[in-house]
Amino acid sequence: MNRIRKGKHGQAMTEYIIIVAIIALAALAVFGLFGDRIRAMIGGAVTDLGGDQSEVDTATQTKSADYLKTLGTGTTP
């Protein structure tokens, strides 16, 4: 009886890990699709709170697709 109980405990942990991985991939996809819009909205909030508009313009000039292409190279487009 204890063997069955131990097997299910490991199975539940594996299922949670798979669910977390799926949620992480979905979040990456959402940020990949809507990254430009999210960055523009946050930039607007920064400007409203007294931030520097030129920094916001610099941050929003780079498209998300271009940023993701150079993510691992250490260079900025």
N, C-alpha and C. Protein backbone atom coordinates (compact mmCIF):
# COMPACT_ATOMS: atom_id res chain seq x y z
N MET A 1 0.82 -1.19 0.00
CA MET A 1 0.00 0.00 0.00
C MET A 1 0.87 1.26 0.00
N ASN A 2 1.98 1.25 0.71
CA ASN A 2 2.87 2.41 0.75
C ASN A 2 3.52 2.66 -0.59
N ARG A 3 3.76 1.62 -1.36
CA ARG A 3 4.36 1.80 -2.69
C ARG A 3 3.44 2.58 -3.62
N ILE A 4 2.18 2.30 -3.56
CA ILE A 4 1.21 3.00 -4.41
C ILE A 4 1.16 4.48 -4.02
N ARG A 5 1.17 4.76 -2.76
CA ARG A 5 1.09 6.13 -2.27
C ARG A 5 2.34 6.92 -2.71
N LYS A 6 3.53 6.32 -2.62
CA LYS A 6 4.76 7.01 -3.03
C LYS A 6 4.74 7.32 -4.52
N GLY A 7 4.27 6.41 -5.34
CA GLY A 7 4.22 6.62 -6.78
C GLY A 7 3.32 7.79 -7.16
N LYS A 8 2.22 7.93 -6.49
CA LYS A 8 1.29 9.02 -6.79
C LYS A 8 1.83 10.36 -6.35
N HIS A 9 2.62 10.39 -5.28
CA HIS A 9 3.21 11.65 -4.83
C HIS A 9 4.16 12.20 -5.90
N GLY A 10 4.99 11.37 -6.46
CA GLY A 10 5.91 11.80 -7.51
C GLY A 10 5.17 12.18 -8.78
N GLN A 11 4.11 11.47 -9.05
CA GLN A 11 3.32 11.76 -10.23
C GLN A 11 2.68 13.14 -10.12
N ALA A 12 2.17 13.50 -8.97
CA ALA A 12 1.54 14.80 -8.77
C ALA A 12 2.56 15.92 -8.96
N MET A 13 3.77 15.74 -8.43
CA MET A 13 4.81 16.75 -8.57
C MET A 13 5.17 16.93 -10.05
N THR A 14 5.26 15.85 -10.78
CA THR A 14 5.57 15.93 -12.21
C THR A 14 4.47 16.67 -12.95
N GLU A 15 3.24 16.42 -12.61
CA GLU A 15 2.13 17.12 -13.25
C GLU A 15 2.19 18.62 -12.98
N TYR A 16 2.52 19.01 -11.77
CA TYR A 16 2.64 20.43 -11.45
C TYR A 16 3.78 21.07 -12.23
N ILE A 17 4.87 20.38 -12.38
CA ILE A 17 6.00 20.91 -13.15
C ILE A 17 5.61 21.11 -14.60
N ILE A 18 4.87 20.16 -15.17
CA ILE A 18 4.42 20.30 -16.56
C ILE A 18 3.46 21.48 -16.70
N ILE A 19 2.56 21.66 -15.75
CA ILE A 19 1.62 22.78 -15.80
C ILE A 19 2.37 24.11 -15.72
N VAL A 20 3.36 24.20 -14.83
CA VAL A 20 4.15 25.43 -14.70
C VAL A 20 4.91 25.71 -16.00
N ALA A 21 5.46 24.68 -16.63
CA ALA A 21 6.17 24.86 -17.89
C ALA A 21 5.23 25.36 -18.99
N ILE A 22 4.04 24.83 -19.05
CA ILE A 22 3.06 25.28 -20.06
C ILE A 22 2.67 26.73 -19.83
N ILE A 23 2.46 27.11 -18.57
CA ILE A 23 2.11 28.49 -18.26
C ILE A 23 3.26 29.43 -18.62
N ALA A 24 4.50 29.01 -18.36
CA ALA A 24 5.66 29.84 -18.70
C ALA A 24 5.76 30.03 -20.21
N LEU A 25 5.55 28.97 -20.97
CA LEU A 25 5.59 29.09 -22.43
C LEU A 25 4.47 30.00 -22.95
N ALA A 26 3.31 29.89 -22.36
CA ALA A 26 2.20 30.76 -22.76
C ALA A 26 2.52 32.22 -22.44
N ALA A 27 3.13 32.48 -21.29
CA ALA A 27 3.50 33.85 -20.95
C ALA A 27 4.54 34.40 -21.92
N LEU A 28 5.51 33.58 -22.30
CA LEU A 28 6.50 34.02 -23.29
C LEU A 28 5.84 34.34 -24.63
N ALA A 29 4.88 33.52 -25.02
CA ALA A 29 4.19 33.78 -26.29
C ALA A 29 3.40 35.08 -26.23
N VAL A 30 2.72 35.33 -25.12
CA VAL A 30 1.94 36.56 -24.97
C VAL A 30 2.87 37.77 -25.01
N PHE A 31 3.96 37.72 -24.27
CA PHE A 31 4.89 38.84 -24.27
C PHE A 31 5.56 39.01 -25.62
N GLY A 32 5.76 37.92 -26.35
CA GLY A 32 6.31 38.02 -27.69
C GLY A 32 5.35 38.69 -28.66
N LEU A 33 4.07 38.37 -28.52
CA LEU A 33 3.06 38.96 -29.42
C LEU A 33 2.72 40.40 -29.07
N PHE A 34 2.59 40.68 -27.78
CA PHE A 34 2.13 41.98 -27.35
C PHE A 34 3.21 42.82 -26.68
N GLY A 35 4.47 42.45 -26.85
CA GLY A 35 5.56 43.14 -26.18
C GLY A 35 5.66 44.62 -26.53
N ASP A 36 5.45 44.94 -27.81
CA ASP A 36 5.53 46.34 -28.24
C ASP A 36 4.43 47.18 -27.58
N ARG A 37 3.24 46.62 -27.52
CA ARG A 37 2.11 47.34 -26.92
C ARG A 37 2.32 47.52 -25.41
N ILE A 38 2.81 46.47 -24.76
CA ILE A 38 3.06 46.54 -23.32
C ILE A 38 4.13 47.59 -23.03
N ARG A 39 5.19 47.58 -23.84
CA ARG A 39 6.28 48.56 -23.65
C ARG A 39 5.78 49.98 -23.85
N ALA A 40 4.90 50.20 -24.84
CA ALA A 40 4.34 51.54 -25.07
C ALA A 40 3.45 51.98 -23.90
N MET A 41 2.67 51.06 -23.36
CA MET A 41 1.81 51.41 -22.24
C MET A 41 2.62 51.75 -20.99
N ILE A 42 3.65 50.98 -20.73
CA ILE A 42 4.51 51.26 -19.57
C ILE A 42 5.26 52.57 -19.79
N GLY A 43 5.68 52.83 -21.03
CA GLY A 43 6.35 54.09 -21.34
C GLY A 43 5.45 55.29 -21.10
N GLY A 44 4.17 55.14 -21.44
CA GLY A 44 3.22 56.22 -21.18
C GLY A 44 3.06 56.47 -19.69
N ALA A 45 3.03 55.39 -18.91
CA ALA A 45 2.91 55.55 -17.46
C ALA A 45 4.16 56.21 -16.88
N VAL A 46 5.33 55.87 -17.41
CA VAL A 46 6.58 56.46 -16.93
C VAL A 46 6.59 57.96 -17.22
N THR A 47 6.16 58.33 -18.40
CA THR A 47 6.12 59.75 -18.76
C THR A 47 5.14 60.50 -17.87
N ASP A 48 3.97 59.90 -17.62
CA ASP A 48 2.98 60.54 -16.75
C ASP A 48 3.49 60.73 -15.33
N LEU A 49 4.35 59.84 -14.89
CA LEU A 49 4.89 59.92 -13.54
C LEU A 49 6.14 60.81 -13.46
N GLY A 50 6.47 61.47 -14.55
CA GLY A 50 7.58 62.41 -14.52
C GLY A 50 8.87 61.86 -15.10
N GLY A 51 8.80 60.77 -15.83
CA GLY A 51 9.99 60.19 -16.44
C GLY A 51 10.43 60.94 -17.68
N ASP A 52 11.56 60.55 -18.21
CA ASP A 52 12.16 61.19 -19.37
C ASP A 52 11.57 60.63 -20.66
N GLN A 53 10.95 61.46 -21.47
CA GLN A 53 10.31 61.02 -22.71
C GLN A 53 11.32 60.48 -23.70
N SER A 54 12.54 61.02 -23.72
CA SER A 54 13.55 60.54 -24.68
C SER A 54 13.94 59.09 -24.38
N GLU A 55 13.98 58.71 -23.11
CA GLU A 55 14.28 57.32 -22.75
C GLU A 55 13.15 56.40 -23.18
N VAL A 56 11.92 56.86 -23.05
CA VAL A 56 10.77 56.08 -23.49
C VAL A 56 10.82 55.90 -25.00
N ASP A 57 11.13 56.95 -25.73
CA ASP A 57 11.23 56.85 -27.19
C ASP A 57 12.31 55.87 -27.61
N THR A 58 13.44 55.89 -26.93
CA THR A 58 14.53 54.97 -27.23
C THR A 58 14.10 53.53 -26.98
N ALA A 59 13.40 53.30 -25.89
CA ALA A 59 12.96 51.95 -25.54
C ALA A 59 11.90 51.42 -26.49
N THR A 60 11.04 52.28 -27.00
CA THR A 60 9.95 51.82 -27.86
C THR A 60 10.34 51.76 -29.33
N GLN A 61 11.51 52.25 -29.71
CA GLN A 61 11.94 52.19 -31.11
C GLN A 61 12.27 50.77 -31.54
N THR A 62 12.81 49.98 -30.65
CA THR A 62 13.18 48.61 -30.99
C THR A 62 11.95 47.72 -30.91
N LYS A 63 11.68 46.99 -31.97
CA LYS A 63 10.55 46.08 -32.00
C LYS A 63 10.89 44.83 -31.20
N SER A 64 9.88 44.17 -30.69
CA SER A 64 10.08 42.98 -29.87
C SER A 64 10.76 41.87 -30.66
N ALA A 65 10.39 41.71 -31.91
CA ALA A 65 10.99 40.65 -32.73
C ALA A 65 12.49 40.89 -32.90
N ASP A 66 12.88 42.15 -33.12
CA ASP A 66 14.30 42.46 -33.26
C ASP A 66 15.04 42.25 -31.94
N TYR A 67 14.40 42.60 -30.85
CA TYR A 67 15.02 42.42 -29.54
C TYR A 67 15.22 40.93 -29.24
N LEU A 68 14.23 40.09 -29.57
CA LEU A 68 14.35 38.67 -29.31
C LEU A 68 15.42 38.02 -30.18
N LYS A 69 15.64 38.54 -31.38
CA LYS A 69 16.68 37.98 -32.25
C LYS A 69 18.07 38.18 -31.66
N THR A 70 18.29 39.29 -30.98
CA THR A 70 19.61 39.60 -30.45
C THR A 70 19.73 39.32 -28.96
N LEU A 71 18.78 38.60 -28.39
CA LEU A 71 18.74 38.37 -26.95
C LEU A 71 19.97 37.65 -26.44
N GLY A 72 20.40 36.61 -27.11
CA GLY A 72 21.53 35.83 -26.63
C GLY A 72 22.89 36.35 -27.06
N THR A 73 22.95 37.34 -27.93
CA THR A 73 24.24 37.79 -28.46
C THR A 73 24.88 38.88 -27.62
N GLY A 74 24.12 39.54 -26.77
CA GLY A 74 24.67 40.61 -25.93
C GLY A 74 24.76 41.95 -26.63
N THR A 75 24.21 42.04 -27.84
CA THR A 75 24.20 43.32 -28.57
C THR A 75 22.79 43.85 -28.62
N THR A 76 22.66 45.14 -28.85
CA THR A 76 21.34 45.74 -29.01
C THR A 76 21.18 46.15 -30.45
N PRO A 77 19.99 45.99 -31.01
CA PRO A 77 19.77 46.35 -32.43
C PRO A 77 19.76 47.83 -32.65
